[in-house]
Protein backbone atom coordinates (compact mmCIF):
# COMPACT_ATOMS: atom_id res chain seq x y z
CA ILE A 1 0.00 0.06 -0.01
CA GLU A 2 2.75 2.51 0.93
CA ARG A 3 4.61 1.82 -2.47
CA THR A 4 1.42 2.12 -4.36
CA ARG A 5 0.77 5.46 -2.70
CA GLU A 6 4.18 6.75 -3.58
CA VAL A 7 3.62 5.79 -7.19
CA ILE A 8 0.17 7.59 -7.17
CA GLU A 9 1.82 10.70 -5.60
CA ILE A 10 4.59 10.64 -8.23
CA ILE A 11 2.03 10.49 -10.99
CA ASP A 12 0.03 13.25 -9.47
CA ARG A 13 2.92 15.51 -8.93
CA ASP A 14 5.27 14.88 -11.92
CA ILE A 15 2.68 13.82 -14.74
CA LEU A 16 -0.77 15.31 -13.97
CA SER A 17 0.31 18.56 -12.15
CA SER A 18 1.46 21.63 -14.14
CA PRO A 19 5.14 21.24 -15.04
CA THR A 20 5.83 24.90 -14.44
CA PHE A 21 5.96 27.28 -11.39
CA ASP A 22 5.54 30.97 -11.70
CA PRO A 23 6.66 32.71 -8.48
CA ALA A 24 5.05 36.00 -9.41
CA THR A 25 1.57 34.34 -9.33
CA ALA A 26 2.06 31.36 -7.14
CA GLU A 27 0.00 31.09 -3.96
CA ASP A 28 1.84 28.14 -2.48
CA GLU A 29 2.85 27.51 1.10
CA PHE A 30 6.39 26.59 1.67
CA VAL A 31 7.36 24.86 4.92
CA PHE A 32 10.93 25.08 6.27
CA CYS A 33 12.57 23.57 9.27
CA LEU A 34 14.94 25.79 10.95
CA SER A 35 16.95 25.87 14.27
CA GLU A 36 16.42 28.91 16.70
CA ILE A 37 19.36 30.57 15.42
CA GLY A 38 18.26 30.01 11.74
CA GLU A 39 15.10 31.71 12.63
CA VAL A 40 16.90 34.70 14.24
CA VAL A 41 19.59 35.26 11.66
CA PHE A 42 18.50 33.73 8.45
CA LEU A 43 14.62 33.94 8.31
CA PRO A 44 14.20 37.79 8.32
CA PRO A 45 16.25 38.36 5.02
CA LEU A 46 14.85 35.07 3.52
CA PHE A 47 11.42 36.25 4.02
CA GLN A 48 12.09 39.58 2.71
CA LYS A 49 13.62 38.25 -0.55
CA LEU A 50 10.90 35.69 -1.02
CA ARG A 51 8.25 38.48 -0.65
CA GLN A 52 9.93 40.55 -3.45
CA LEU A 53 9.97 37.48 -5.81
CA ALA A 54 6.83 35.66 -4.85
CA PRO A 55 4.59 38.15 -3.15
CA ARG A 56 1.49 35.64 -2.85
CA ILE A 57 3.24 32.68 -1.38
CA ARG A 58 2.99 31.80 2.35
CA LEU A 59 6.02 30.84 4.60
CA ARG A 60 5.69 28.42 7.55
CA THR A 61 8.64 27.39 9.81
CA LEU A 62 8.79 24.30 12.07
CA SER A 63 11.15 22.98 14.77
CA LEU A 64 11.29 19.19 14.57
CA ALA A 65 13.32 16.53 16.44
CA PRO A 66 16.24 15.16 14.32
CA ASP A 67 14.63 11.84 13.89
CA ALA A 68 11.45 13.17 12.46
CA LEU A 69 13.28 15.30 9.65
CA THR A 70 13.81 12.51 7.03
CA ASP A 71 10.18 11.35 7.18
CA SER A 72 8.89 14.92 6.93
CA LEU A 73 11.03 15.65 3.92
CA HIS A 74 10.01 12.42 2.28
CA ASP A 75 6.24 13.00 2.85
CA GLY A 76 6.59 16.53 1.47
CA LYS A 77 5.39 18.02 4.82
CA VAL A 78 8.61 20.09 4.87
CA ASP A 79 10.12 21.49 1.72
CA ALA A 80 13.56 22.12 3.10
CA VAL A 81 15.63 21.81 6.25
CA LEU A 82 18.05 24.77 6.75
CA GLY A 83 20.82 24.81 9.49
CA TYR A 84 23.34 22.52 11.21
CA PHE A 85 21.98 19.02 11.04
CA PRO A 86 24.87 16.62 10.77
CA ASP A 87 22.74 13.69 11.36
CA LEU A 88 20.59 14.08 8.30
CA THR A 89 22.68 11.68 6.06
CA ALA A 90 20.02 9.39 4.62
CA PRO A 91 21.00 8.47 0.92
CA ASN A 92 17.79 9.98 -0.42
CA ILE A 93 18.41 13.27 1.25
CA TYR A 94 20.30 15.85 -0.86
CA GLN A 95 22.25 18.62 0.80
CA GLN A 96 24.17 21.79 -0.13
CA ARG A 97 26.34 23.99 1.90
CA LEU A 98 25.00 27.50 2.31
CA PHE A 99 27.54 29.15 4.83
CA SER A 100 30.24 28.47 7.16
CA HIS A 101 29.77 29.88 10.70
CA ASP A 102 31.99 30.02 13.77
CA LEU A 103 31.62 30.56 17.58
CA THR A 104 32.90 33.51 19.50
CA CYS A 105 32.69 34.86 23.05
CA MET A 106 30.57 37.79 24.25
CA LEU A 107 31.20 39.92 27.31
CA ARG A 108 29.63 43.14 28.55
CA ARG A 109 31.26 46.20 27.29
CA GLY A 110 33.93 47.43 29.68
CA HIS A 111 34.37 43.98 31.29
CA PRO A 112 37.77 43.95 33.10
CA LEU A 113 38.90 40.76 31.02
CA ALA A 114 37.80 42.28 27.80
CA ARG A 115 40.44 42.43 25.06
CA GLU A 116 40.99 41.09 21.59
CA ARG A 117 41.28 37.41 22.81
CA LEU A 118 40.60 35.79 26.20
CA ALA A 119 43.57 34.09 27.96
CA LEU A 120 42.95 30.40 28.57
CA GLU A 121 43.49 30.65 32.27
CA ASP A 122 40.83 33.59 32.48
CA PHE A 123 38.43 31.71 30.20
CA ALA A 124 38.79 28.60 32.59
CA ARG A 125 38.14 30.48 35.84
CA MET A 126 35.35 32.88 34.60
CA GLU A 127 31.80 32.37 35.37
CA HIS A 128 29.96 31.13 32.19
CA LEU A 129 26.47 31.28 30.84
CA GLN A 130 25.64 28.27 28.81
CA VAL A 131 23.06 28.04 26.14
CA ARG A 132 21.92 24.35 25.77
CA ASP A 133 19.44 24.64 22.93
CA GLY A 134 19.57 20.93 21.90
CA SER A 135 21.42 21.66 18.79
CA ARG A 136 24.27 19.49 17.62
CA ARG A 137 26.43 22.52 17.31
CA GLN A 138 26.67 22.72 20.96
CA GLU A 139 27.59 19.09 21.33
CA MET A 140 30.43 19.84 18.77
CA PHE A 141 31.69 22.74 20.88
CA GLU A 142 31.54 20.66 24.09
CA ALA A 143 33.45 17.70 22.58
CA HIS A 144 36.10 20.15 21.25
CA LEU A 145 36.58 21.56 24.93
CA ASN A 146 36.85 18.04 26.28
CA GLU A 147 39.46 17.07 23.87
CA ALA A 148 41.48 20.15 24.88
CA GLY A 149 40.99 19.32 28.59
CA ILE A 150 39.19 22.70 29.12
CA LYS A 151 36.55 22.77 31.88
CA ARG A 152 34.13 25.71 32.30
CA ASN A 153 32.67 27.12 35.51
CA ILE A 154 28.91 27.14 34.29
CA VAL A 155 26.81 29.09 36.67
CA LEU A 156 23.76 29.83 34.55
CA GLU A 157 22.18 27.53 31.87
CA THR A 158 19.38 28.49 29.50
CA SER A 159 17.88 26.90 26.42
CA HIS A 160 17.20 30.13 24.50
CA TYR A 161 19.33 33.06 23.13
CA MET A 162 16.68 35.75 23.62
CA SER A 163 17.81 36.62 27.18
CA VAL A 164 21.46 36.21 26.65
CA PRO A 165 22.32 39.81 25.74
CA SER A 166 20.50 41.37 28.76
CA ILE A 167 22.06 38.89 31.07
CA ILE A 168 25.64 39.50 29.73
CA GLU A 169 25.44 43.35 29.71
CA GLN A 170 24.41 43.19 33.49
CA SER A 171 26.96 40.74 34.67
CA ASP A 172 30.56 39.59 34.42
CA LEU A 173 29.59 36.35 32.76
CA VAL A 174 30.93 35.15 29.52
CA VAL A 175 28.99 33.10 26.89
CA VAL A 176 30.12 31.20 23.91
CA LEU A 177 27.69 31.70 20.99
CA PRO A 178 27.60 31.82 17.16
CA ARG A 179 29.19 35.00 15.85
CA THR A 180 26.17 35.78 13.62
CA VAL A 181 24.09 35.91 16.92
CA ALA A 182 26.49 37.99 18.76
CA ASN A 183 26.77 40.56 15.77
CA LEU A 184 23.09 41.20 15.98
CA TYR A 185 23.45 42.84 19.32
CA LEU A 186 26.56 44.88 19.07
CA ASP A 187 24.81 48.10 18.12
CA THR A 188 21.86 47.80 20.50
CA VAL A 189 23.11 46.14 23.69
CA ASN A 190 26.07 47.08 25.86
CA VAL A 191 28.09 44.03 24.80
CA GLN A 192 31.17 43.24 22.91
CA ILE A 193 32.83 40.24 20.98
CA VAL A 194 36.08 38.72 22.45
CA GLU A 195 37.88 35.86 20.72
CA PRO A 196 38.01 32.51 22.56
CA PRO A 197 41.43 31.28 23.84
CA VAL A 198 41.46 28.31 21.49
CA GLU A 199 40.53 27.92 17.86
CA ILE A 200 37.06 26.40 17.58
CA PRO A 201 36.21 24.56 14.33
CA CYS A 202 33.77 26.24 11.97
CA TYR A 203 30.65 24.51 11.14
CA ASP A 204 28.50 24.19 7.95
CA LEU A 205 24.92 25.44 7.76
CA LYS A 206 23.17 23.56 4.87
CA GLN A 207 19.99 23.17 3.11
CA PHE A 208 18.41 19.69 2.75
CA TRP A 209 15.76 18.33 0.50
CA HIS A 210 14.38 15.01 -0.50
CA ALA A 211 15.27 13.17 -3.74
CA ARG A 212 11.58 12.85 -4.56
CA PHE A 213 11.25 16.46 -5.16
CA GLN A 214 14.61 17.09 -6.94
CA GLN A 215 12.86 17.79 -10.14
CA ALA A 216 9.67 19.58 -8.83
CA PRO A 217 9.57 22.99 -10.39
CA ARG A 218 8.69 24.92 -7.15
CA SER A 219 11.38 23.01 -5.32
CA VAL A 220 14.01 23.82 -8.12
CA TRP A 221 12.78 27.47 -7.84
């Protein structure tokens, strides 16, 4: 039954449906799965661009558990996954690198230890704010610190980035976060960027889509 349903869907999508997609007149809904950082950094300019090119389409974003992503892409419930999802490696999932991002430190402006780069001994003894948002990016960073034998004094842990700037500017805490997020607050909050004491590997943000929709005109667009 499942295989038959797939064949019927392919016939309906690739043979019976219109072979073209006109963004200027389309009224489709696009569904993207993004991480929290993806929504903060990437979604605003993406939405603005889509509104310029396809003013009638609707855009909806979801946050799904990693084990649900492959099925959602296969079923067409999600058009694309955008962000850092290293576990999305099924053979029928296509991927393309969009950007490479890195991590940095953020302190309040005027912090006594603020300089171009933190010393390792200062970084180890400082009180840290940790954002544990459930992303694999955080796991990658923690593994890198463990390999380097670096332990942090974490005194505050949160699961979101929204409160981070206010906490940092009113304390002597340090936080490690994506540079793109830190850059959002430099002109509006009393914070500054300081480089971490060790080199942290960059990570790739990618877009993922299912092979079933590789030739679909709206997906190609």
